[in-house]
């Protein structure tokens, strides 16, 4: 009888404990993004308002490349990033050899990185040059602001995503493109991943951090041409049944 009561209590409490654990992991994820905001703020101050562009793998790795490393790129920062690189929900990496290769050139220096992409609950990883480095965030590379110096004067910064939960180091989102039909990582929708129960976490250009509903992704200002009240928003007339089945239970925006 006592064992049956204990088993019943465990069955009742376990879902609540799991929810609390997920909420705690999401809070740590947001705290990490807040620290990325400090790094990026320092970086833009030192680079005339420019955010990292091109191959962003090097930026995430930070001071893990030493001064004598032949793979060190010409544009660099010296801050340690390992401790804030992974969302607690996506720490593990896929087993097996690296599947990607990135190269860069500049000021007489060439560099090469081997890497593998992640998934909803897996980090992406740089495997070479050593030591291995893993991360579970990615830059919004949709906006042309990543190639210009006007970020200090850009309007609506609180609605412009910079860094988000992601299975790769950067990605593009188009508000005119419909949502992915099936749950999981999509090349066309790299940020539409169900990592935090219908949400992802994101850092914005005003360096604020907050959770972002998956349907809310279609209301953000990804670049100068983003329609924030388009077809896939409540203002644009989207209906709950228009979303693919796996997204219909999530909050509408």
C-alpha atoms as a PDB file:
ATOM      1  CA  UNK A   1       0.000   0.000   0.000  1.00  0.00           C
ATOM      2  CA  UNK A   2       2.775   2.419   0.988  1.00  0.00           C
ATOM      3  CA  UNK A   3       4.675   1.593  -2.196  1.00  0.00           C
ATOM      4  CA  UNK A   4       1.554   2.257  -4.267  1.00  0.00           C
ATOM      5  CA  UNK A   5       1.083   5.672  -2.618  1.00  0.00           C
ATOM      6  CA  UNK A   6       4.733   6.578  -3.219  1.00  0.00           C
ATOM      7  CA  UNK A   7       4.455   5.522  -6.858  1.00  0.00           C
ATOM      8  CA  UNK A   8       1.304   7.630  -7.256  1.00  0.00           C
ATOM      9  CA  UNK A   9       2.976  10.680  -5.704  1.00  0.00           C
ATOM     10  CA  UNK A  10       5.983  10.279  -7.988  1.00  0.00           C
ATOM     11  CA  UNK A  11       3.691  10.044 -11.003  1.00  0.00           C
ATOM     12  CA  UNK A  12       1.958  13.260  -9.933  1.00  0.00           C
ATOM     13  CA  UNK A  13       5.105  15.212  -9.081  1.00  0.00           C
ATOM     14  CA  UNK A  14       7.364  14.094 -11.922  1.00  0.00           C
ATOM     15  CA  UNK A  15       5.743  16.242 -14.670  1.00  0.00           C
ATOM     16  CA  UNK A  16       5.894  19.303 -12.402  1.00  0.00           C
ATOM     17  CA  UNK A  17       9.560  18.655 -11.636  1.00  0.00           C
ATOM     18  CA  UNK A  18      10.297  18.284 -15.319  1.00  0.00           C
ATOM     19  CA  UNK A  19       8.594  21.615 -16.054  1.00  0.00           C
ATOM     20  CA  UNK A  20      10.615  23.331 -13.341  1.00  0.00           C
ATOM     21  CA  UNK A  21      13.819  21.809 -14.694  1.00  0.00           C
ATOM     22  CA  UNK A  22      13.055  23.006 -18.219  1.00  0.00           C
ATOM     23  CA  UNK A  23      12.242  26.492 -16.938  1.00  0.00           C
ATOM     24  CA  UNK A  24      15.564  26.582 -15.097  1.00  0.00           C
ATOM     25  CA  UNK A  25      17.428  25.527 -18.228  1.00  0.00           C
ATOM     26  CA  UNK A  26      15.662  28.206 -20.234  1.00  0.00           C
ATOM     27  CA  UNK A  27      16.678  30.807 -17.635  1.00  0.00           C
ATOM     28  CA  UNK A  28      20.328  29.739 -17.915  1.00  0.00           C
ATOM     29  CA  UNK A  29      20.042  29.946 -21.700  1.00  0.00           C
ATOM     30  CA  UNK A  30      18.783  33.530 -21.416  1.00  0.00           C
ATOM     31  CA  UNK A  31      21.572  34.411 -18.984  1.00  0.00           C
ATOM     32  CA  UNK A  32      24.132  33.106 -21.480  1.00  0.00           C
ATOM     33  CA  UNK A  33      22.595  35.195 -24.249  1.00  0.00           C
ATOM     34  CA  UNK A  34      22.757  38.245 -21.988  1.00  0.00           C
ATOM     35  CA  UNK A  35      26.503  37.709 -21.666  1.00  0.00           C
ATOM     36  CA  UNK A  36      26.752  37.366 -25.453  1.00  0.00           C
ATOM     37  CA  UNK A  37      25.042  40.751 -25.589  1.00  0.00           C
ATOM     38  CA  UNK A  38      27.837  42.242 -23.490  1.00  0.00           C
ATOM     39  CA  UNK A  39      30.447  40.713 -25.797  1.00  0.00           C
ATOM     40  CA  UNK A  40      28.697  41.971 -28.916  1.00  0.00           C
ATOM     41  CA  UNK A  41      28.237  45.422 -27.427  1.00  0.00           C
ATOM     42  CA  UNK A  42      31.983  45.606 -26.782  1.00  0.00           C
ATOM     43  CA  UNK A  43      32.696  44.267 -30.239  1.00  0.00           C
ATOM     44  CA  UNK A  44      30.489  46.800 -32.034  1.00  0.00           C
ATOM     45  CA  UNK A  45      31.976  49.643 -29.992  1.00  0.00           C
ATOM     46  CA  UNK A  46      35.428  48.624 -31.189  1.00  0.00           C
ATOM     47  CA  UNK A  47      34.373  48.027 -34.801  1.00  0.00           C
ATOM     48  CA  UNK A  48      32.448  51.198 -35.713  1.00  0.00           C
ATOM     49  CA  UNK A  49      29.068  49.626 -35.059  1.00  0.00           C
ATOM     50  CA  UNK A  50      29.654  46.574 -37.208  1.00  0.00           C
ATOM     51  CA  UNK A  51      28.441  43.156 -36.122  1.00  0.00           C
ATOM     52  CA  UNK A  52      30.374  40.028 -37.131  1.00  0.00           C
ATOM     53  CA  UNK A  53      29.753  39.105 -40.759  1.00  0.00           C
ATOM     54  CA  UNK A  54      30.750  36.372 -43.171  1.00  0.00           C
ATOM     55  CA  UNK A  55      32.055  33.246 -41.466  1.00  0.00           C
ATOM     56  CA  UNK A  56      30.863  33.699 -37.877  1.00  0.00           C
ATOM     57  CA  UNK A  57      32.291  30.415 -36.578  1.00  0.00           C
ATOM     58  CA  UNK A  58      35.471  32.211 -35.542  1.00  0.00           C
ATOM     59  CA  UNK A  59      33.535  34.744 -33.447  1.00  0.00           C
ATOM     60  CA  UNK A  60      31.861  32.126 -31.284  1.00  0.00           C
ATOM     61  CA  UNK A  61      35.136  30.458 -30.531  1.00  0.00           C
ATOM     62  CA  UNK A  62      36.698  33.633 -29.182  1.00  0.00           C
ATOM     63  CA  UNK A  63      39.951  33.320 -27.297  1.00  0.00           C
ATOM     64  CA  UNK A  64      40.178  29.607 -27.967  1.00  0.00           C
ATOM     65  CA  UNK A  65      42.456  30.495 -30.868  1.00  0.00           C
ATOM     66  CA  UNK A  66      45.855  31.604 -29.617  1.00  0.00           C
ATOM     67  CA  UNK A  67      48.034  34.317 -31.113  1.00  0.00           C
ATOM     68  CA  UNK A  68      50.297  31.792 -32.832  1.00  0.00           C
ATOM     69  CA  UNK A  69      47.482  29.720 -34.341  1.00  0.00           C
ATOM     70  CA  UNK A  70      47.717  29.779 -38.168  1.00  0.00           C
ATOM     71  CA  UNK A  71      43.923  29.427 -38.299  1.00  0.00           C
ATOM     72  CA  UNK A  72      43.351  32.671 -36.415  1.00  0.00           C
ATOM     73  CA  UNK A  73      41.272  35.027 -38.628  1.00  0.00           C
ATOM     74  CA  UNK A  74      42.236  38.674 -39.198  1.00  0.00           C
ATOM     75  CA  UNK A  75      39.195  40.028 -37.315  1.00  0.00           C
ATOM     76  CA  UNK A  76      39.107  38.660 -33.811  1.00  0.00           C
ATOM     77  CA  UNK A  77      38.133  39.137 -30.167  1.00  0.00           C
ATOM     78  CA  UNK A  78      39.934  37.808 -27.117  1.00  0.00           C
ATOM     79  CA  UNK A  79      37.015  37.095 -24.798  1.00  0.00           C
ATOM     80  CA  UNK A  80      36.468  33.622 -23.393  1.00  0.00           C
ATOM     81  CA  UNK A  81      33.160  32.212 -24.638  1.00  0.00           C
ATOM     82  CA  UNK A  82      33.184  28.522 -23.768  1.00  0.00           C
ATOM     83  CA  UNK A  83      31.181  28.881 -20.551  1.00  0.00           C
ATOM     84  CA  UNK A  84      28.265  30.666 -22.250  1.00  0.00           C
ATOM     85  CA  UNK A  85      28.272  28.860 -25.578  1.00  0.00           C
ATOM     86  CA  UNK A  86      25.593  26.220 -24.996  1.00  0.00           C
ATOM     87  CA  UNK A  87      21.952  26.298 -24.036  1.00  0.00           C
ATOM     88  CA  UNK A  88      21.492  23.640 -21.313  1.00  0.00           C
ATOM     89  CA  UNK A  89      18.870  22.001 -23.555  1.00  0.00           C
ATOM     90  CA  UNK A  90      21.429  21.502 -26.339  1.00  0.00           C
ATOM     91  CA  UNK A  91      24.788  20.534 -24.891  1.00  0.00           C
ATOM     92  CA  UNK A  92      25.421  17.185 -26.545  1.00  0.00           C
ATOM     93  CA  UNK A  93      26.705  16.883 -30.103  1.00  0.00           C
ATOM     94  CA  UNK A  94      26.162  14.355 -32.834  1.00  0.00           C
ATOM     95  CA  UNK A  95      28.655  11.481 -32.835  1.00  0.00           C
ATOM     96  CA  UNK A  96      30.909  10.959 -35.806  1.00  0.00           C
ATOM     97  CA  UNK A  97      33.383  12.985 -37.874  1.00  0.00           C
ATOM     98  CA  UNK A  98      32.934  16.603 -38.933  1.00  0.00           C
ATOM     99  CA  UNK A  99      30.692  17.086 -41.955  1.00  0.00           C
ATOM    100  CA  UNK A 100      31.446  20.731 -42.810  1.00  0.00           C
ATOM    101  CA  UNK A 101      34.451  22.789 -43.833  1.00  0.00           C
ATOM    102  CA  UNK A 102      34.792  26.582 -43.620  1.00  0.00           C
ATOM    103  CA  UNK A 103      37.668  28.628 -44.987  1.00  0.00           C
ATOM    104  CA  UNK A 104      38.517  32.318 -44.822  1.00  0.00           C
ATOM    105  CA  UNK A 105      41.177  34.700 -46.037  1.00  0.00           C
ATOM    106  CA  UNK A 106      42.337  38.199 -45.199  1.00  0.00           C
ATOM    107  CA  UNK A 107      45.423  40.355 -44.622  1.00  0.00           C
ATOM    108  CA  UNK A 108      47.683  37.535 -45.704  1.00  0.00           C
ATOM    109  CA  UNK A 109      46.128  35.005 -43.300  1.00  0.00           C
ATOM    110  CA  UNK A 110      44.110  31.988 -44.320  1.00  0.00           C
ATOM    111  CA  UNK A 111      42.186  29.889 -41.848  1.00  0.00           C
ATOM    112  CA  UNK A 112      40.181  26.680 -41.915  1.00  0.00           C
ATOM    113  CA  UNK A 113      37.628  25.170 -39.572  1.00  0.00           C
ATOM    114  CA  UNK A 114      35.982  21.766 -39.641  1.00  0.00           C
ATOM    115  CA  UNK A 115      32.578  21.540 -38.015  1.00  0.00           C
ATOM    116  CA  UNK A 116      29.313  19.662 -37.739  1.00  0.00           C
ATOM    117  CA  UNK A 117      25.793  21.087 -37.371  1.00  0.00           C
ATOM    118  CA  UNK A 118      23.444  20.422 -34.477  1.00  0.00           C
ATOM    119  CA  UNK A 119      19.701  19.928 -34.082  1.00  0.00           C
ATOM    120  CA  UNK A 120      16.870  21.041 -31.790  1.00  0.00           C
ATOM    121  CA  UNK A 121      18.547  19.443 -28.779  1.00  0.00           C
ATOM    122  CA  UNK A 122      22.125  19.111 -30.047  1.00  0.00           C
ATOM    123  CA  UNK A 123      24.863  21.734 -30.261  1.00  0.00           C
ATOM    124  CA  UNK A 124      26.893  22.439 -33.376  1.00  0.00           C
ATOM    125  CA  UNK A 125      30.603  21.808 -32.966  1.00  0.00           C
ATOM    126  CA  UNK A 126      33.958  22.961 -34.308  1.00  0.00           C
ATOM    127  CA  UNK A 127      36.284  19.957 -34.318  1.00  0.00           C
ATOM    128  CA  UNK A 128      39.371  21.424 -35.969  1.00  0.00           C
ATOM    129  CA  UNK A 129      41.593  23.209 -35.129  1.00  0.00           C
ATOM    130  CA  UNK A 130      41.570  21.706 -31.623  1.00  0.00           C
ATOM    131  CA  UNK A 131      40.433  21.801 -28.946  1.00  0.00           C
ATOM    132  CA  UNK A 132      36.796  21.018 -29.920  1.00  0.00           C
ATOM    133  CA  UNK A 133      34.301  23.824 -29.335  1.00  0.00           C
ATOM    134  CA  UNK A 134      30.525  23.466 -29.213  1.00  0.00           C
ATOM    135  CA  UNK A 135      27.730  26.050 -29.252  1.00  0.00           C
ATOM    136  CA  UNK A 136      23.945  26.069 -29.628  1.00  0.00           C
ATOM    137  CA  UNK A 137      23.245  29.663 -30.749  1.00  0.00           C
ATOM    138  CA  UNK A 138      23.305  31.304 -34.158  1.00  0.00           C
ATOM    139  CA  UNK A 139      23.389  34.781 -35.700  1.00  0.00           C
ATOM    140  CA  UNK A 140      20.549  36.286 -37.691  1.00  0.00           C
ATOM    141  CA  UNK A 141      22.348  36.731 -41.017  1.00  0.00           C
ATOM    142  CA  UNK A 142      19.195  37.910 -42.830  1.00  0.00           C
ATOM    143  CA  UNK A 143      19.816  41.582 -42.240  1.00  0.00           C
ATOM    144  CA  UNK A 144      22.219  43.708 -44.235  1.00  0.00           C
ATOM    145  CA  UNK A 145      23.103  45.438 -40.958  1.00  0.00           C
ATOM    146  CA  UNK A 146      25.670  42.702 -40.436  1.00  0.00           C
ATOM    147  CA  UNK A 147      27.649  44.220 -43.310  1.00  0.00           C
ATOM    148  CA  UNK A 148      27.303  47.908 -42.508  1.00  0.00           C
ATOM    149  CA  UNK A 149      28.173  50.388 -39.771  1.00  0.00           C
ATOM    150  CA  UNK A 150      24.749  51.869 -38.903  1.00  0.00           C
ATOM    151  CA  UNK A 151      23.754  49.512 -36.094  1.00  0.00           C
ATOM    152  CA  UNK A 152      24.138  52.335 -33.569  1.00  0.00           C
ATOM    153  CA  UNK A 153      21.400  54.295 -35.339  1.00  0.00           C
ATOM    154  CA  UNK A 154      19.069  51.490 -36.441  1.00  0.00           C
ATOM    155  CA  UNK A 155      15.464  52.086 -35.376  1.00  0.00           C
ATOM    156  CA  UNK A 156      13.303  49.465 -33.643  1.00  0.00           C
ATOM    157  CA  UNK A 157      16.262  47.656 -32.112  1.00  0.00           C
ATOM    158  CA  UNK A 158      14.066  45.810 -29.595  1.00  0.00           C
ATOM    159  CA  UNK A 159      12.398  43.929 -32.462  1.00  0.00           C
ATOM    160  CA  UNK A 160      15.562  43.070 -34.429  1.00  0.00           C
ATOM    161  CA  UNK A 161      16.968  39.645 -33.474  1.00  0.00           C
ATOM    162  CA  UNK A 162      20.736  39.265 -33.413  1.00  0.00           C
ATOM    163  CA  UNK A 163      21.506  35.921 -31.749  1.00  0.00           C
ATOM    164  CA  UNK A 164      19.084  33.050 -31.150  1.00  0.00           C
ATOM    165  CA  UNK A 165      18.789  29.383 -30.234  1.00  0.00           C
ATOM    166  CA  UNK A 166      19.978  27.629 -33.366  1.00  0.00           C
ATOM    167  CA  UNK A 167      21.441  24.342 -34.651  1.00  0.00           C
ATOM    168  CA  UNK A 168      24.091  26.257 -36.639  1.00  0.00           C
ATOM    169  CA  UNK A 169      26.219  29.387 -36.308  1.00  0.00           C
ATOM    170  CA  UNK A 170      23.963  31.551 -38.500  1.00  0.00           C
ATOM    171  CA  UNK A 171      20.723  31.423 -40.427  1.00  0.00           C
ATOM    172  CA  UNK A 172      18.172  33.334 -42.481  1.00  0.00           C
ATOM    173  CA  UNK A 173      14.473  33.829 -41.762  1.00  0.00           C
ATOM    174  CA  UNK A 174      11.995  35.238 -44.301  1.00  0.00           C
ATOM    175  CA  UNK A 175       8.587  36.419 -43.060  1.00  0.00           C
ATOM    176  CA  UNK A 176       7.139  35.798 -46.525  1.00  0.00           C
ATOM    177  CA  UNK A 177       7.997  32.098 -46.366  1.00  0.00           C
ATOM    178  CA  UNK A 178       5.542  29.693 -44.768  1.00  0.00           C
ATOM    179  CA  UNK A 179       6.423  27.598 -41.705  1.00  0.00           C
ATOM    180  CA  UNK A 180       8.076  24.159 -41.885  1.00  0.00           C
ATOM    181  CA  UNK A 181       5.574  21.361 -42.423  1.00  0.00           C
ATOM    182  CA  UNK A 182       7.195  19.032 -39.909  1.00  0.00           C
ATOM    183  CA  UNK A 183       8.834  19.475 -36.518  1.00  0.00           C
ATOM    184  CA  UNK A 184      12.615  19.382 -36.535  1.00  0.00           C
ATOM    185  CA  UNK A 185      15.487  21.300 -38.075  1.00  0.00           C
ATOM    186  CA  UNK A 186      14.796  22.844 -41.474  1.00  0.00           C
ATOM    187  CA  UNK A 187      17.454  24.524 -43.620  1.00  0.00           C
ATOM    188  CA  UNK A 188      14.860  27.107 -44.665  1.00  0.00           C
ATOM    189  CA  UNK A 189      13.759  27.748 -41.060  1.00  0.00           C
ATOM    190  CA  UNK A 190      16.872  27.384 -38.874  1.00  0.00           C
ATOM    191  CA  UNK A 191      15.377  29.227 -35.885  1.00  0.00           C
ATOM    192  CA  UNK A 192      11.966  27.530 -35.896  1.00  0.00           C
ATOM    193  CA  UNK A 193      12.965  24.774 -33.479  1.00  0.00           C
ATOM    194  CA  UNK A 194      10.917  23.612 -30.499  1.00  0.00           C
ATOM    195  CA  UNK A 195      13.721  23.872 -27.948  1.00  0.00           C
ATOM    196  CA  UNK A 196      11.757  25.513 -25.112  1.00  0.00           C
ATOM    197  CA  UNK A 197       8.191  24.177 -25.383  1.00  0.00           C
ATOM    198  CA  UNK A 198       6.959  26.424 -28.171  1.00  0.00           C
ATOM    199  CA  UNK A 199       9.652  29.066 -27.709  1.00  0.00           C
ATOM    200  CA  UNK A 200      13.268  29.832 -28.404  1.00  0.00           C
ATOM    201  CA  UNK A 201      15.400  32.432 -26.613  1.00  0.00           C
ATOM    202  CA  UNK A 202      16.841  35.427 -28.424  1.00  0.00           C
ATOM    203  CA  UNK A 203      19.131  38.425 -28.046  1.00  0.00           C
ATOM    204  CA  UNK A 204      17.983  41.644 -29.731  1.00  0.00           C
ATOM    205  CA  UNK A 205      19.868  44.630 -31.087  1.00  0.00           C
ATOM    206  CA  UNK A 206      19.097  46.714 -27.987  1.00  0.00           C
ATOM    207  CA  UNK A 207      20.934  43.888 -26.122  1.00  0.00           C
ATOM    208  CA  UNK A 208      17.753  42.743 -24.394  1.00  0.00           C
ATOM    209  CA  UNK A 209      17.016  39.021 -24.063  1.00  0.00           C
ATOM    210  CA  UNK A 210      13.625  37.338 -24.027  1.00  0.00           C
ATOM    211  CA  UNK A 211      11.814  34.220 -25.116  1.00  0.00           C
ATOM    212  CA  UNK A 212      10.318  34.210 -28.610  1.00  0.00           C
ATOM    213  CA  UNK A 213       7.235  32.210 -29.562  1.00  0.00           C
ATOM    214  CA  UNK A 214       7.779  30.106 -32.666  1.00  0.00           C
ATOM    215  CA  UNK A 215       4.863  31.831 -34.420  1.00  0.00           C
ATOM    216  CA  UNK A 216       6.255  35.173 -33.240  1.00  0.00           C
ATOM    217  CA  UNK A 217       9.251  34.656 -35.530  1.00  0.00           C
ATOM    218  CA  UNK A 218       7.045  35.943 -38.388  1.00  0.00           C
ATOM    219  CA  UNK A 219       6.476  39.265 -36.579  1.00  0.00           C
ATOM    220  CA  UNK A 220      10.138  40.199 -36.067  1.00  0.00           C
ATOM    221  CA  UNK A 221      12.199  42.683 -38.064  1.00  0.00           C
ATOM    222  CA  UNK A 222      14.797  40.362 -39.547  1.00  0.00           C
ATOM    223  CA  UNK A 223      15.943  42.900 -42.124  1.00  0.00           C
ATOM    224  CA  UNK A 224      14.891  46.192 -43.704  1.00  0.00           C
ATOM    225  CA  UNK A 225      12.318  44.457 -45.910  1.00  0.00           C
ATOM    226  CA  UNK A 226      10.659  42.287 -43.261  1.00  0.00           C
ATOM    227  CA  UNK A 227       6.868  42.645 -43.133  1.00  0.00           C
ATOM    228  CA  UNK A 228       5.998  42.352 -39.443  1.00  0.00           C
ATOM    229  CA  UNK A 229       2.255  42.122 -40.137  1.00  0.00           C
ATOM    230  CA  UNK A 230       2.339  39.742 -43.070  1.00  0.00           C
ATOM    231  CA  UNK A 231       0.470  36.624 -44.114  1.00  0.00           C
ATOM    232  CA  UNK A 232       1.652  34.551 -41.128  1.00  0.00           C
ATOM    233  CA  UNK A 233       0.565  36.949 -38.375  1.00  0.00           C
ATOM    234  CA  UNK A 234      -2.794  37.641 -36.704  1.00  0.00           C
ATOM    235  CA  UNK A 235      -2.723  41.120 -38.237  1.00  0.00           C
ATOM    236  CA  UNK A 236      -2.236  39.527 -41.644  1.00  0.00           C
ATOM    237  CA  UNK A 237      -5.197  37.192 -41.214  1.00  0.00           C
ATOM    238  CA  UNK A 238      -3.553  33.860 -40.444  1.00  0.00           C
ATOM    239  CA  UNK A 239      -5.918  31.283 -38.937  1.00  0.00           C
ATOM    240  CA  UNK A 240      -4.966  28.572 -36.421  1.00  0.00           C
ATOM    241  CA  UNK A 241      -5.667  25.862 -38.995  1.00  0.00           C
ATOM    242  CA  UNK A 242      -3.245  27.491 -41.447  1.00  0.00           C
ATOM    243  CA  UNK A 243      -0.281  26.402 -39.356  1.00  0.00           C
ATOM    244  CA  UNK A 244       1.138  22.883 -39.716  1.00  0.00           C
ATOM    245  CA  UNK A 245      -0.269  20.480 -37.092  1.00  0.00           C
ATOM    246  CA  UNK A 246       2.845  20.479 -34.919  1.00  0.00           C
ATOM    247  CA  UNK A 247       2.635  24.283 -34.464  1.00  0.00           C
ATOM    248  CA  UNK A 248      -1.115  24.771 -33.951  1.00  0.00           C
ATOM    249  CA  UNK A 249      -0.973  24.441 -30.147  1.00  0.00           C
ATOM    250  CA  UNK A 250       1.538  27.291 -29.834  1.00  0.00           C
ATOM    251  CA  UNK A 251       0.643  30.878 -28.992  1.00  0.00           C
ATOM    252  CA  UNK A 252      -0.559  33.096 -31.857  1.00  0.00           C
ATOM    253  CA  UNK A 253       0.881  36.553 -32.611  1.00  0.00           C
END
